[in-house]
């Protein structure tokens, strides 16, 4: 079994910054990718950013230039540095881990609220 523990969410004013962390533990064999998704009330869950084992990254157009994803391979931890936050970034942010077997795991989610 794999556990993902997220931290770093909270309330911040527009223009502020937050850093999310997601630590993976348990029966981790080979990780293909780790990423962050978010879900706002009444909306579908969407990709925010992900990082593949080789270091390639993908970002949603809405966060490019403001968010940065990074990873500590030794600690199986992924980070999301979020700068210049806007109210539209308000959502529950979920960490996702994808194994090379394509099996996926989700974290419990962390709330990010950006006030105007």
C-alpha atoms as a PDB file:
ATOM      1  CA  UNK A   1       0.000   0.000   0.000  1.00  0.00           C
ATOM      2  CA  UNK A   2       1.112   3.554  -0.697  1.00  0.00           C
ATOM      3  CA  UNK A   3       0.311   6.585   1.431  1.00  0.00           C
ATOM      4  CA  UNK A   4       0.476  10.190   0.293  1.00  0.00           C
ATOM      5  CA  UNK A   5       0.545  12.911   2.918  1.00  0.00           C
ATOM      6  CA  UNK A   6      -0.002  16.482   1.765  1.00  0.00           C
ATOM      7  CA  UNK A   7       0.733  19.660   3.664  1.00  0.00           C
ATOM      8  CA  UNK A   8       1.109  23.372   3.110  1.00  0.00           C
ATOM      9  CA  UNK A   9      -2.389  24.519   2.222  1.00  0.00           C
ATOM     10  CA  UNK A  10      -4.085  27.451   3.871  1.00  0.00           C
ATOM     11  CA  UNK A  11      -5.543  30.910   3.475  1.00  0.00           C
ATOM     12  CA  UNK A  12      -3.562  33.582   1.670  1.00  0.00           C
ATOM     13  CA  UNK A  13      -4.290  36.973   0.155  1.00  0.00           C
ATOM     14  CA  UNK A  14      -4.179  37.505  -3.579  1.00  0.00           C
ATOM     15  CA  UNK A  15      -0.610  38.015  -4.708  1.00  0.00           C
ATOM     16  CA  UNK A  16       0.749  35.816  -1.954  1.00  0.00           C
ATOM     17  CA  UNK A  17       2.546  32.488  -2.043  1.00  0.00           C
ATOM     18  CA  UNK A  18       2.135  28.993  -0.666  1.00  0.00           C
ATOM     19  CA  UNK A  19       4.234  25.866  -0.924  1.00  0.00           C
ATOM     20  CA  UNK A  20       2.562  22.474  -0.973  1.00  0.00           C
ATOM     21  CA  UNK A  21       4.368  19.263  -0.111  1.00  0.00           C
ATOM     22  CA  UNK A  22       3.401  15.645  -0.720  1.00  0.00           C
ATOM     23  CA  UNK A  23       5.383  12.807   0.807  1.00  0.00           C
ATOM     24  CA  UNK A  24       4.899   9.273  -0.455  1.00  0.00           C
ATOM     25  CA  UNK A  25       5.564   6.221   1.707  1.00  0.00           C
ATOM     26  CA  UNK A  26       4.826   2.521   1.731  1.00  0.00           C
ATOM     27  CA  UNK A  27       5.278  -0.056  -1.014  1.00  0.00           C
ATOM     28  CA  UNK A  28       6.812   2.236  -3.600  1.00  0.00           C
ATOM     29  CA  UNK A  29       8.465   0.345  -6.395  1.00  0.00           C
ATOM     30  CA  UNK A  30       9.047   2.574  -9.377  1.00  0.00           C
ATOM     31  CA  UNK A  31       7.488   5.990  -9.785  1.00  0.00           C
ATOM     32  CA  UNK A  32       6.579   7.202 -13.244  1.00  0.00           C
ATOM     33  CA  UNK A  33       5.251  10.589 -12.247  1.00  0.00           C
ATOM     34  CA  UNK A  34       3.989  12.689  -9.365  1.00  0.00           C
ATOM     35  CA  UNK A  35       1.654  15.581  -9.775  1.00  0.00           C
ATOM     36  CA  UNK A  36      -0.819  18.042  -8.346  1.00  0.00           C
ATOM     37  CA  UNK A  37      -4.466  18.333  -9.307  1.00  0.00           C
ATOM     38  CA  UNK A  38      -7.119  20.666  -7.967  1.00  0.00           C
ATOM     39  CA  UNK A  39     -10.861  20.722  -7.673  1.00  0.00           C
ATOM     40  CA  UNK A  40     -12.887  23.841  -7.076  1.00  0.00           C
ATOM     41  CA  UNK A  41     -16.499  23.666  -5.842  1.00  0.00           C
ATOM     42  CA  UNK A  42     -18.794  22.548  -8.640  1.00  0.00           C
ATOM     43  CA  UNK A  43     -15.901  21.927 -11.009  1.00  0.00           C
ATOM     44  CA  UNK A  44     -14.090  18.862 -12.255  1.00  0.00           C
ATOM     45  CA  UNK A  45     -10.706  17.893 -10.937  1.00  0.00           C
ATOM     46  CA  UNK A  46      -7.997  19.286 -13.193  1.00  0.00           C
ATOM     47  CA  UNK A  47      -4.284  18.876 -13.654  1.00  0.00           C
ATOM     48  CA  UNK A  48      -2.188  21.677 -12.192  1.00  0.00           C
ATOM     49  CA  UNK A  49       1.327  20.345 -12.701  1.00  0.00           C
ATOM     50  CA  UNK A  50       3.191  17.060 -12.865  1.00  0.00           C
ATOM     51  CA  UNK A  51       6.755  15.906 -12.984  1.00  0.00           C
ATOM     52  CA  UNK A  52       7.950  12.706 -14.610  1.00  0.00           C
ATOM     53  CA  UNK A  53      10.734  10.485 -13.355  1.00  0.00           C
ATOM     54  CA  UNK A  54      13.140  11.916 -15.904  1.00  0.00           C
ATOM     55  CA  UNK A  55      12.419  15.461 -14.762  1.00  0.00           C
ATOM     56  CA  UNK A  56      10.043  16.574 -17.511  1.00  0.00           C
ATOM     57  CA  UNK A  57       7.272  18.835 -16.246  1.00  0.00           C
ATOM     58  CA  UNK A  58       3.784  19.765 -17.459  1.00  0.00           C
ATOM     59  CA  UNK A  59       1.738  22.737 -16.293  1.00  0.00           C
ATOM     60  CA  UNK A  60      -1.807  23.885 -16.827  1.00  0.00           C
ATOM     61  CA  UNK A  61      -1.851  27.059 -18.920  1.00  0.00           C
ATOM     62  CA  UNK A  62      -3.547  28.905 -16.071  1.00  0.00           C
ATOM     63  CA  UNK A  63      -0.573  28.439 -13.727  1.00  0.00           C
ATOM     64  CA  UNK A  64       2.391  28.686 -16.102  1.00  0.00           C
ATOM     65  CA  UNK A  65       4.877  31.258 -14.895  1.00  0.00           C
ATOM     66  CA  UNK A  66       3.365  31.316 -11.400  1.00  0.00           C
ATOM     67  CA  UNK A  67       3.652  27.742 -10.114  1.00  0.00           C
ATOM     68  CA  UNK A  68       6.717  25.505 -10.021  1.00  0.00           C
ATOM     69  CA  UNK A  69       6.723  21.771  -9.372  1.00  0.00           C
ATOM     70  CA  UNK A  70       9.800  20.032  -8.054  1.00  0.00           C
ATOM     71  CA  UNK A  71      10.698  16.709  -6.526  1.00  0.00           C
ATOM     72  CA  UNK A  72      13.068  15.201  -3.996  1.00  0.00           C
ATOM     73  CA  UNK A  73      13.608  11.726  -5.405  1.00  0.00           C
ATOM     74  CA  UNK A  74      15.448  10.474  -2.337  1.00  0.00           C
ATOM     75  CA  UNK A  75      12.474  11.312  -0.134  1.00  0.00           C
ATOM     76  CA  UNK A  76       9.719  10.505  -2.661  1.00  0.00           C
ATOM     77  CA  UNK A  77       8.382  13.987  -2.062  1.00  0.00           C
ATOM     78  CA  UNK A  78       6.926  16.432  -4.536  1.00  0.00           C
ATOM     79  CA  UNK A  79       6.526  20.163  -3.994  1.00  0.00           C
ATOM     80  CA  UNK A  80       4.376  22.841  -5.586  1.00  0.00           C
ATOM     81  CA  UNK A  81       5.561  26.402  -5.154  1.00  0.00           C
ATOM     82  CA  UNK A  82       2.642  28.708  -5.874  1.00  0.00           C
ATOM     83  CA  UNK A  83       3.363  32.400  -6.374  1.00  0.00           C
ATOM     84  CA  UNK A  84       1.181  35.329  -7.432  1.00  0.00           C
ATOM     85  CA  UNK A  85      -1.893  33.506  -6.241  1.00  0.00           C
ATOM     86  CA  UNK A  86      -5.278  34.681  -7.469  1.00  0.00           C
ATOM     87  CA  UNK A  87      -8.778  33.918  -6.137  1.00  0.00           C
ATOM     88  CA  UNK A  88      -9.326  31.543  -9.071  1.00  0.00           C
ATOM     89  CA  UNK A  89      -6.645  29.291  -7.585  1.00  0.00           C
ATOM     90  CA  UNK A  90      -8.943  28.516  -4.663  1.00  0.00           C
ATOM     91  CA  UNK A  91      -9.551  24.762  -4.600  1.00  0.00           C
ATOM     92  CA  UNK A  92      -8.719  21.531  -2.864  1.00  0.00           C
ATOM     93  CA  UNK A  93      -5.317  20.442  -4.129  1.00  0.00           C
ATOM     94  CA  UNK A  94      -4.623  16.721  -4.471  1.00  0.00           C
ATOM     95  CA  UNK A  95      -1.341  14.939  -4.894  1.00  0.00           C
ATOM     96  CA  UNK A  96      -1.207  12.016  -7.296  1.00  0.00           C
ATOM     97  CA  UNK A  97       1.442   9.355  -7.712  1.00  0.00           C
ATOM     98  CA  UNK A  98       1.631   7.117 -10.786  1.00  0.00           C
ATOM     99  CA  UNK A  99       3.745   3.994 -10.745  1.00  0.00           C
ATOM    100  CA  UNK A 100       5.424   2.594 -13.853  1.00  0.00           C
ATOM    101  CA  UNK A 101       2.773  -0.142 -13.613  1.00  0.00           C
ATOM    102  CA  UNK A 102       0.277   2.717 -14.199  1.00  0.00           C
ATOM    103  CA  UNK A 103      -1.313   2.154 -10.819  1.00  0.00           C
ATOM    104  CA  UNK A 104      -2.213   5.524  -9.291  1.00  0.00           C
ATOM    105  CA  UNK A 105      -2.625   6.805  -5.753  1.00  0.00           C
ATOM    106  CA  UNK A 106      -4.215   9.988  -4.459  1.00  0.00           C
ATOM    107  CA  UNK A 107      -3.636  12.062  -1.367  1.00  0.00           C
ATOM    108  CA  UNK A 108      -6.438  13.240   0.878  1.00  0.00           C
ATOM    109  CA  UNK A 109      -6.315  16.797  -0.427  1.00  0.00           C
ATOM    110  CA  UNK A 110      -5.359  20.123   1.098  1.00  0.00           C
ATOM    111  CA  UNK A 111      -7.449  23.281   0.930  1.00  0.00           C
ATOM    112  CA  UNK A 112      -6.003  26.398  -0.668  1.00  0.00           C
ATOM    113  CA  UNK A 113      -8.056  29.567  -0.300  1.00  0.00           C
ATOM    114  CA  UNK A 114      -7.021  32.840  -1.920  1.00  0.00           C
ATOM    115  CA  UNK A 115      -8.855  35.939  -0.740  1.00  0.00           C
ATOM    116  CA  UNK A 116      -9.251  39.019  -2.913  1.00  0.00           C
END
